Amino acid sequence: MITQSKTPVDIIQELILIHTTRMEACSKLQAKQLDDHFKPRVNSTTEQSKQFIKALMNELSNFGDAVKADVSSDNEYHKLYEEMLATLDTENTPGLVQLFNSMEESLKTTYLHIIESQQEFSASLIELLNKQFSAIEKTPDQ
């Protein structure tokens, strides 16, 4: 996600879309026969994204009419998701875990780029982004 010339609304809406996609990826992975070590991680990731979306929606409500109907999905996270979808039926569990881990790393990178962009964000948005990034960073890889 390139943050140059994007408004806070653009960034919030793209993060909401990423977390919605993240939940969809988890849902598709839950339908697979996953090993018992990976299932709890997928479940907790889904819950984390639900909480993040709720917080992002709350922040987005501060912008009123600036909210847009179309949101770009042209980013690394969605490319990895498309790759996962393309291989979901043929990939074995270790391959799906590796793709999922790549998606999670992409999410961390996305947050880091936004935070480091030094844009003029409100204090509440900066606090929210830092809090969510910190929570994502603490998520264990497997």
N, C-alpha and C. Protein backbone atom coordinates (compact mmCIF):
# COMPACT_ATOMS: atom_id res chain seq x y z
N MET A 1 0.86 -1.17 0.00
CA MET A 1 0.00 0.00 0.00
C MET A 1 0.90 1.23 0.00
N ILE A 2 0.83 2.01 -1.04
CA ILE A 2 1.59 3.25 -1.11
C ILE A 2 0.73 4.33 -0.48
N THR A 3 1.29 5.02 0.50
CA THR A 3 0.48 5.98 1.24
C THR A 3 0.63 7.40 0.73
N GLN A 4 1.50 7.63 -0.22
CA GLN A 4 1.66 8.98 -0.76
C GLN A 4 0.35 9.42 -1.39
N SER A 5 -0.07 10.59 -1.10
CA SER A 5 -1.27 11.24 -1.64
C SER A 5 -2.57 10.53 -1.27
N LYS A 6 -2.54 9.68 -0.29
CA LYS A 6 -3.77 9.07 0.19
C LYS A 6 -4.23 9.81 1.43
N THR A 7 -5.51 10.00 1.50
CA THR A 7 -6.09 10.67 2.66
C THR A 7 -6.24 9.66 3.80
N PRO A 8 -6.42 10.15 5.01
CA PRO A 8 -6.71 9.22 6.11
C PRO A 8 -7.92 8.33 5.82
N VAL A 9 -8.93 8.89 5.15
CA VAL A 9 -10.11 8.09 4.80
C VAL A 9 -9.72 6.95 3.87
N ASP A 10 -8.90 7.23 2.85
CA ASP A 10 -8.44 6.19 1.94
C ASP A 10 -7.74 5.08 2.70
N ILE A 11 -6.86 5.47 3.59
CA ILE A 11 -6.07 4.50 4.34
C ILE A 11 -6.94 3.67 5.27
N ILE A 12 -7.85 4.30 5.97
CA ILE A 12 -8.75 3.57 6.87
C ILE A 12 -9.60 2.59 6.07
N GLN A 13 -10.15 3.05 4.96
CA GLN A 13 -11.00 2.17 4.16
C GLN A 13 -10.21 1.01 3.57
N GLU A 14 -8.98 1.24 3.16
CA GLU A 14 -8.15 0.14 2.65
C GLU A 14 -7.83 -0.86 3.76
N LEU A 15 -7.58 -0.37 4.96
CA LEU A 15 -7.32 -1.29 6.07
C LEU A 15 -8.57 -2.10 6.41
N ILE A 16 -9.73 -1.49 6.34
CA ILE A 16 -10.98 -2.23 6.58
C ILE A 16 -11.13 -3.33 5.53
N LEU A 17 -10.84 -3.00 4.27
CA LEU A 17 -10.92 -4.00 3.20
C LEU A 17 -9.91 -5.12 3.43
N ILE A 18 -8.71 -4.78 3.84
CA ILE A 18 -7.69 -5.80 4.10
C ILE A 18 -8.15 -6.72 5.24
N HIS A 19 -8.68 -6.14 6.30
CA HIS A 19 -9.13 -6.98 7.41
C HIS A 19 -10.35 -7.82 7.05
N THR A 20 -11.21 -7.30 6.19
CA THR A 20 -12.34 -8.09 5.69
C THR A 20 -11.82 -9.27 4.87
N THR A 21 -10.84 -9.00 4.03
CA THR A 21 -10.22 -10.06 3.23
C THR A 21 -9.50 -11.06 4.13
N ARG A 22 -8.86 -10.57 5.16
CA ARG A 22 -8.17 -11.43 6.12
C ARG A 22 -9.16 -12.39 6.77
N MET A 23 -10.33 -11.90 7.14
CA MET A 23 -11.36 -12.75 7.74
C MET A 23 -11.86 -13.78 6.72
N GLU A 24 -12.01 -13.36 5.48
CA GLU A 24 -12.44 -14.27 4.42
C GLU A 24 -11.40 -15.37 4.21
N ALA A 25 -10.13 -15.00 4.23
CA ALA A 25 -9.05 -15.99 4.09
C ALA A 25 -9.12 -16.99 5.23
N CYS A 26 -9.33 -16.49 6.43
CA CYS A 26 -9.43 -17.37 7.60
C CYS A 26 -10.61 -18.32 7.47
N SER A 27 -11.73 -17.80 6.99
CA SER A 27 -12.92 -18.61 6.80
C SER A 27 -12.64 -19.75 5.82
N LYS A 28 -11.96 -19.43 4.74
CA LYS A 28 -11.63 -20.46 3.75
C LYS A 28 -10.64 -21.47 4.32
N LEU A 29 -9.71 -21.01 5.13
CA LEU A 29 -8.76 -21.93 5.75
C LEU A 29 -9.44 -22.82 6.79
N GLN A 30 -10.43 -22.27 7.50
CA GLN A 30 -11.15 -23.05 8.50
C GLN A 30 -11.91 -24.20 7.84
N ALA A 31 -12.32 -24.02 6.59
CA ALA A 31 -13.04 -25.06 5.87
C ALA A 31 -12.12 -26.22 5.46
N LYS A 32 -10.83 -25.97 5.48
CA LYS A 32 -9.85 -27.01 5.15
C LYS A 32 -9.58 -27.85 6.40
N GLN A 33 -8.99 -29.01 6.19
CA GLN A 33 -8.59 -29.86 7.31
C GLN A 33 -7.23 -29.39 7.81
N LEU A 34 -7.25 -28.43 8.72
CA LEU A 34 -6.02 -27.86 9.24
C LEU A 34 -5.54 -28.66 10.45
N ASP A 35 -4.24 -28.60 10.70
CA ASP A 35 -3.74 -29.28 11.89
C ASP A 35 -4.18 -28.52 13.14
N ASP A 36 -4.17 -29.21 14.26
CA ASP A 36 -4.70 -28.65 15.51
C ASP A 36 -3.89 -27.45 16.02
N HIS A 37 -2.65 -27.31 15.59
CA HIS A 37 -1.82 -26.17 16.03
C HIS A 37 -2.17 -24.90 15.28
N PHE A 38 -2.68 -25.04 14.06
CA PHE A 38 -2.96 -23.88 13.21
C PHE A 38 -4.39 -23.36 13.40
N LYS A 39 -5.33 -24.22 13.75
CA LYS A 39 -6.73 -23.82 13.91
C LYS A 39 -6.92 -22.67 14.89
N PRO A 40 -6.33 -22.74 16.10
CA PRO A 40 -6.53 -21.63 17.05
C PRO A 40 -5.99 -20.30 16.51
N ARG A 41 -4.91 -20.35 15.77
CA ARG A 41 -4.34 -19.12 15.21
C ARG A 41 -5.29 -18.49 14.19
N VAL A 42 -5.88 -19.33 13.36
CA VAL A 42 -6.84 -18.82 12.36
C VAL A 42 -8.05 -18.23 13.07
N ASN A 43 -8.53 -18.90 14.11
CA ASN A 43 -9.68 -18.39 14.85
C ASN A 43 -9.37 -17.07 15.54
N SER A 44 -8.21 -16.95 16.17
CA SER A 44 -7.85 -15.71 16.85
C SER A 44 -7.61 -14.57 15.86
N THR A 45 -7.10 -14.90 14.68
CA THR A 45 -6.90 -13.90 13.63
C THR A 45 -8.23 -13.33 13.18
N THR A 46 -9.21 -14.19 13.04
CA THR A 46 -10.56 -13.74 12.65
C THR A 46 -11.11 -12.77 13.69
N GLU A 47 -11.01 -13.14 14.95
CA GLU A 47 -11.51 -12.27 16.02
C GLU A 47 -10.75 -10.95 16.07
N GLN A 48 -9.43 -11.01 15.87
CA GLN A 48 -8.64 -9.78 15.87
C GLN A 48 -9.10 -8.85 14.76
N SER A 49 -9.32 -9.38 13.56
CA SER A 49 -9.76 -8.54 12.46
C SER A 49 -11.14 -7.94 12.70
N LYS A 50 -12.03 -8.71 13.32
CA LYS A 50 -13.36 -8.17 13.66
C LYS A 50 -13.23 -6.97 14.57
N GLN A 51 -12.37 -7.10 15.59
CA GLN A 51 -12.15 -5.99 16.52
C GLN A 51 -11.51 -4.79 15.82
N PHE A 52 -10.55 -5.06 14.95
CA PHE A 52 -9.87 -3.98 14.22
C PHE A 52 -10.84 -3.24 13.31
N ILE A 53 -11.69 -3.99 12.61
CA ILE A 53 -12.67 -3.36 11.71
C ILE A 53 -13.60 -2.46 12.51
N LYS A 54 -14.06 -2.95 13.65
CA LYS A 54 -14.96 -2.15 14.49
C LYS A 54 -14.28 -0.84 14.89
N ALA A 55 -13.01 -0.91 15.31
CA ALA A 55 -12.28 0.30 15.71
C ALA A 55 -12.04 1.22 14.51
N LEU A 56 -11.71 0.63 13.37
CA LEU A 56 -11.48 1.44 12.16
C LEU A 56 -12.78 2.11 11.69
N MET A 57 -13.89 1.39 11.78
CA MET A 57 -15.19 1.96 11.40
C MET A 57 -15.54 3.13 12.32
N ASN A 58 -15.24 2.97 13.59
CA ASN A 58 -15.49 4.04 14.54
C ASN A 58 -14.66 5.28 14.16
N GLU A 59 -13.41 5.05 13.83
CA GLU A 59 -12.54 6.16 13.42
C GLU A 59 -13.04 6.77 12.11
N LEU A 60 -13.49 5.93 11.19
CA LEU A 60 -13.99 6.41 9.90
C LEU A 60 -15.23 7.28 10.07
N SER A 61 -16.03 7.00 11.09
CA SER A 61 -17.25 7.78 11.31
C SER A 61 -16.94 9.24 11.61
N ASN A 62 -15.72 9.53 12.01
CA ASN A 62 -15.32 10.92 12.27
C ASN A 62 -15.21 11.75 10.99
N PHE A 63 -15.18 11.08 9.84
CA PHE A 63 -14.96 11.79 8.58
C PHE A 63 -16.24 12.06 7.80
N GLY A 64 -17.37 11.54 8.27
CA GLY A 64 -18.66 11.84 7.66
C GLY A 64 -18.73 11.61 6.17
N ASP A 65 -19.00 12.66 5.42
CA ASP A 65 -19.23 12.57 3.98
C ASP A 65 -17.98 12.27 3.17
N ALA A 66 -16.82 12.27 3.77
CA ALA A 66 -15.59 12.01 3.01
C ALA A 66 -15.42 10.53 2.65
N VAL A 67 -16.24 9.66 3.23
CA VAL A 67 -16.15 8.24 2.96
C VAL A 67 -16.49 7.97 1.50
N LYS A 68 -15.75 7.05 0.89
CA LYS A 68 -15.90 6.76 -0.54
C LYS A 68 -16.49 5.37 -0.73
N ALA A 69 -17.16 5.19 -1.85
CA ALA A 69 -17.77 3.90 -2.16
C ALA A 69 -16.74 2.91 -2.71
N ASP A 70 -15.78 3.39 -3.45
CA ASP A 70 -14.80 2.47 -4.05
C ASP A 70 -13.49 2.51 -3.27
N VAL A 71 -12.97 1.32 -3.01
CA VAL A 71 -11.74 1.19 -2.24
C VAL A 71 -10.78 0.34 -3.06
N SER A 72 -9.54 0.76 -3.13
CA SER A 72 -8.54 0.04 -3.90
C SER A 72 -8.10 -1.23 -3.20
N SER A 73 -8.06 -2.31 -3.98
CA SER A 73 -7.52 -3.57 -3.45
C SER A 73 -6.21 -3.90 -4.18
N ASP A 74 -5.60 -2.87 -4.76
CA ASP A 74 -4.34 -3.04 -5.47
C ASP A 74 -3.19 -2.89 -4.48
N ASN A 75 -2.94 -3.99 -3.73
CA ASN A 75 -1.86 -3.98 -2.76
C ASN A 75 -1.32 -5.40 -2.59
N GLU A 76 -0.20 -5.51 -1.94
CA GLU A 76 0.48 -6.79 -1.76
C GLU A 76 -0.39 -7.81 -1.03
N TYR A 77 -1.11 -7.36 -0.02
CA TYR A 77 -1.93 -8.27 0.76
C TYR A 77 -2.95 -8.97 -0.13
N HIS A 78 -3.63 -8.22 -0.97
CA HIS A 78 -4.65 -8.82 -1.83
C HIS A 78 -4.04 -9.70 -2.91
N LYS A 79 -2.85 -9.39 -3.36
CA LYS A 79 -2.17 -10.26 -4.33
C LYS A 79 -1.88 -11.61 -3.69
N LEU A 80 -1.42 -11.60 -2.45
CA LEU A 80 -1.15 -12.86 -1.74
C LEU A 80 -2.45 -13.63 -1.49
N TYR A 81 -3.52 -12.91 -1.20
CA TYR A 81 -4.82 -13.56 -1.00
C TYR A 81 -5.27 -14.25 -2.28
N GLU A 82 -5.12 -13.56 -3.40
CA GLU A 82 -5.49 -14.16 -4.70
C GLU A 82 -4.65 -15.41 -4.96
N GLU A 83 -3.39 -15.37 -4.59
CA GLU A 83 -2.52 -16.54 -4.75
C GLU A 83 -3.02 -17.69 -3.87
N MET A 84 -3.43 -17.36 -2.65
CA MET A 84 -3.96 -18.39 -1.76
C MET A 84 -5.22 -19.01 -2.35
N LEU A 85 -6.12 -18.16 -2.88
CA LEU A 85 -7.36 -18.67 -3.47
C LEU A 85 -7.07 -19.60 -4.64
N ALA A 86 -6.08 -19.23 -5.45
CA ALA A 86 -5.74 -20.02 -6.63
C ALA A 86 -5.20 -21.40 -6.27
N THR A 87 -4.62 -21.52 -5.09
CA THR A 87 -4.00 -22.79 -4.71
C THR A 87 -4.74 -23.50 -3.57
N LEU A 88 -5.85 -22.94 -3.13
CA LEU A 88 -6.54 -23.46 -1.95
C LEU A 88 -6.92 -24.94 -2.08
N ASP A 89 -7.38 -25.34 -3.24
CA ASP A 89 -7.84 -26.72 -3.41
C ASP A 89 -6.70 -27.70 -3.68
N THR A 90 -5.55 -27.19 -4.12
CA THR A 90 -4.45 -28.08 -4.47
C THR A 90 -3.30 -28.05 -3.47
N GLU A 91 -3.23 -27.02 -2.68
CA GLU A 91 -2.10 -26.85 -1.74
C GLU A 91 -2.32 -27.67 -0.48
N ASN A 92 -1.25 -28.21 0.05
CA ASN A 92 -1.32 -28.95 1.31
C ASN A 92 -1.25 -27.96 2.47
N THR A 93 -1.49 -28.44 3.68
CA THR A 93 -1.53 -27.56 4.85
C THR A 93 -0.25 -26.75 5.04
N PRO A 94 0.94 -27.36 4.95
CA PRO A 94 2.15 -26.53 5.12
C PRO A 94 2.25 -25.40 4.10
N GLY A 95 1.83 -25.65 2.88
CA GLY A 95 1.85 -24.59 1.85
C GLY A 95 0.86 -23.49 2.17
N LEU A 96 -0.31 -23.85 2.66
CA LEU A 96 -1.31 -22.84 3.04
C LEU A 96 -0.84 -22.04 4.24
N VAL A 97 -0.20 -22.72 5.19
CA VAL A 97 0.34 -22.01 6.36
C VAL A 97 1.39 -21.01 5.92
N GLN A 98 2.23 -21.41 4.98
CA GLN A 98 3.28 -20.51 4.48
C GLN A 98 2.65 -19.30 3.78
N LEU A 99 1.62 -19.52 2.96
CA LEU A 99 0.93 -18.39 2.31
C LEU A 99 0.28 -17.49 3.34
N PHE A 100 -0.36 -18.08 4.33
CA PHE A 100 -1.00 -17.30 5.38
C PHE A 100 0.05 -16.46 6.12
N ASN A 101 1.20 -17.05 6.43
CA ASN A 101 2.27 -16.32 7.08
C ASN A 101 2.75 -15.16 6.22
N SER A 102 2.82 -15.36 4.92
CA SER A 102 3.21 -14.28 4.00
C SER A 102 2.19 -13.15 4.02
N MET A 103 0.92 -13.52 4.10
CA MET A 103 -0.13 -12.51 4.18
C MET A 103 -0.01 -11.71 5.48
N GLU A 104 0.29 -12.39 6.57
CA GLU A 104 0.44 -11.71 7.86
C GLU A 104 1.65 -10.78 7.85
N GLU A 105 2.74 -11.20 7.23
CA GLU A 105 3.92 -10.34 7.12
C GLU A 105 3.60 -9.12 6.26
N SER A 106 2.83 -9.32 5.20
CA SER A 106 2.42 -8.21 4.35
C SER A 106 1.56 -7.22 5.14
N LEU A 107 0.71 -7.73 6.01
CA LEU A 107 -0.13 -6.86 6.86
C LEU A 107 0.74 -6.02 7.78
N LYS A 108 1.74 -6.65 8.40
CA LYS A 108 2.66 -5.91 9.26
C LYS A 108 3.38 -4.81 8.48
N THR A 109 3.84 -5.16 7.29
CA THR A 109 4.54 -4.20 6.44
C THR A 109 3.63 -3.05 6.05
N THR A 110 2.38 -3.36 5.76
CA THR A 110 1.42 -2.32 5.40
C THR A 110 1.24 -1.32 6.54
N TYR A 111 1.02 -1.83 7.73
CA TYR A 111 0.88 -0.95 8.90
C TYR A 111 2.15 -0.13 9.12
N LEU A 112 3.29 -0.77 9.02
CA LEU A 112 4.56 -0.08 9.25
C LEU A 112 4.75 1.06 8.25
N HIS A 113 4.42 0.81 6.98
CA HIS A 113 4.55 1.87 5.96
C HIS A 113 3.62 3.04 6.24
N ILE A 114 2.42 2.73 6.67
CA ILE A 114 1.46 3.80 6.98
C ILE A 114 1.98 4.63 8.16
N ILE A 115 2.39 3.94 9.21
CA ILE A 115 2.86 4.65 10.41
C ILE A 115 4.10 5.48 10.11
N GLU A 116 5.00 4.94 9.31
CA GLU A 116 6.24 5.65 8.98
C GLU A 116 6.07 6.74 7.94
N SER A 117 4.90 6.82 7.31
CA SER A 117 4.69 7.80 6.25
C SER A 117 4.68 9.23 6.76
N GLN A 118 4.55 9.39 8.08
CA GLN A 118 4.57 10.72 8.70
C GLN A 118 3.48 11.64 8.17
N GLN A 119 2.35 11.05 7.81
CA GLN A 119 1.24 11.86 7.32
C GLN A 119 0.58 12.60 8.47
N GLU A 120 -0.19 13.58 8.10
CA GLU A 120 -0.93 14.37 9.08
C GLU A 120 -2.20 13.62 9.50
N PHE A 121 -2.04 12.71 10.43
CA PHE A 121 -3.18 11.98 10.95
C PHE A 121 -3.61 12.59 12.27
N SER A 122 -4.86 12.38 12.60
CA SER A 122 -5.34 12.82 13.91
C SER A 122 -4.65 11.97 14.98
N ALA A 123 -4.61 12.50 16.18
CA ALA A 123 -4.00 11.77 17.29
C ALA A 123 -4.70 10.44 17.52
N SER A 124 -6.02 10.41 17.38
CA SER A 124 -6.76 9.17 17.60
C SER A 124 -6.43 8.12 16.54
N LEU A 125 -6.23 8.55 15.29
CA LEU A 125 -5.87 7.61 14.23
C LEU A 125 -4.46 7.08 14.44
N ILE A 126 -3.54 7.94 14.80
CA ILE A 126 -2.16 7.50 15.06
C ILE A 126 -2.16 6.48 16.20
N GLU A 127 -2.89 6.78 17.25
CA GLU A 127 -2.96 5.86 18.40
C GLU A 127 -3.56 4.51 17.97
N LEU A 128 -4.63 4.55 17.18
CA LEU A 128 -5.28 3.33 16.72
C LEU A 128 -4.34 2.50 15.84
N LEU A 129 -3.67 3.14 14.89
CA LEU A 129 -2.75 2.43 14.01
C LEU A 129 -1.61 1.78 14.79
N ASN A 130 -1.05 2.53 15.73
CA ASN A 130 0.03 1.98 16.55
C ASN A 130 -0.45 0.80 17.40
N LYS A 131 -1.62 0.92 17.97
CA LYS A 131 -2.18 -0.14 18.80
C LYS A 131 -2.42 -1.41 17.97
N GLN A 132 -2.99 -1.23 16.77
CA GLN A 132 -3.25 -2.39 15.92
C GLN A 132 -1.95 -3.01 15.42
N PHE A 133 -1.00 -2.18 15.05
CA PHE A 133 0.30 -2.70 14.60
C PHE A 133 0.97 -3.50 15.71
N SER A 134 0.92 -2.98 16.90
CA SER A 134 1.51 -3.67 18.05
C SER A 134 0.85 -5.03 18.28
N ALA A 135 -0.46 -5.09 18.15
CA ALA A 135 -1.18 -6.35 18.33
C ALA A 135 -0.83 -7.35 17.23
N ILE A 136 -0.68 -6.86 16.01
CA ILE A 136 -0.31 -7.75 14.89
C ILE A 136 1.11 -8.27 15.09
N GLU A 137 1.99 -7.41 15.57
CA GLU A 137 3.38 -7.80 15.80
C GLU A 137 3.48 -8.90 16.86
N LYS A 138 2.57 -8.91 17.81
CA LYS A 138 2.61 -9.89 18.90
C LYS A 138 2.03 -11.23 18.48
N THR A 139 1.34 -11.27 17.34
CA THR A 139 0.75 -12.50 16.88
C THR A 139 1.85 -13.49 16.51
N PRO A 140 1.85 -14.66 17.12
CA PRO A 140 2.93 -15.63 16.84
C PRO A 140 2.83 -16.23 15.46
N ASP A 141 3.98 -16.41 14.83
CA ASP A 141 4.04 -17.12 13.56
C ASP A 141 4.19 -18.61 13.85
N GLN A 142 3.64 -19.41 12.97
CA GLN A 142 3.81 -20.85 13.14
C GLN A 142 4.18 -21.46 11.83
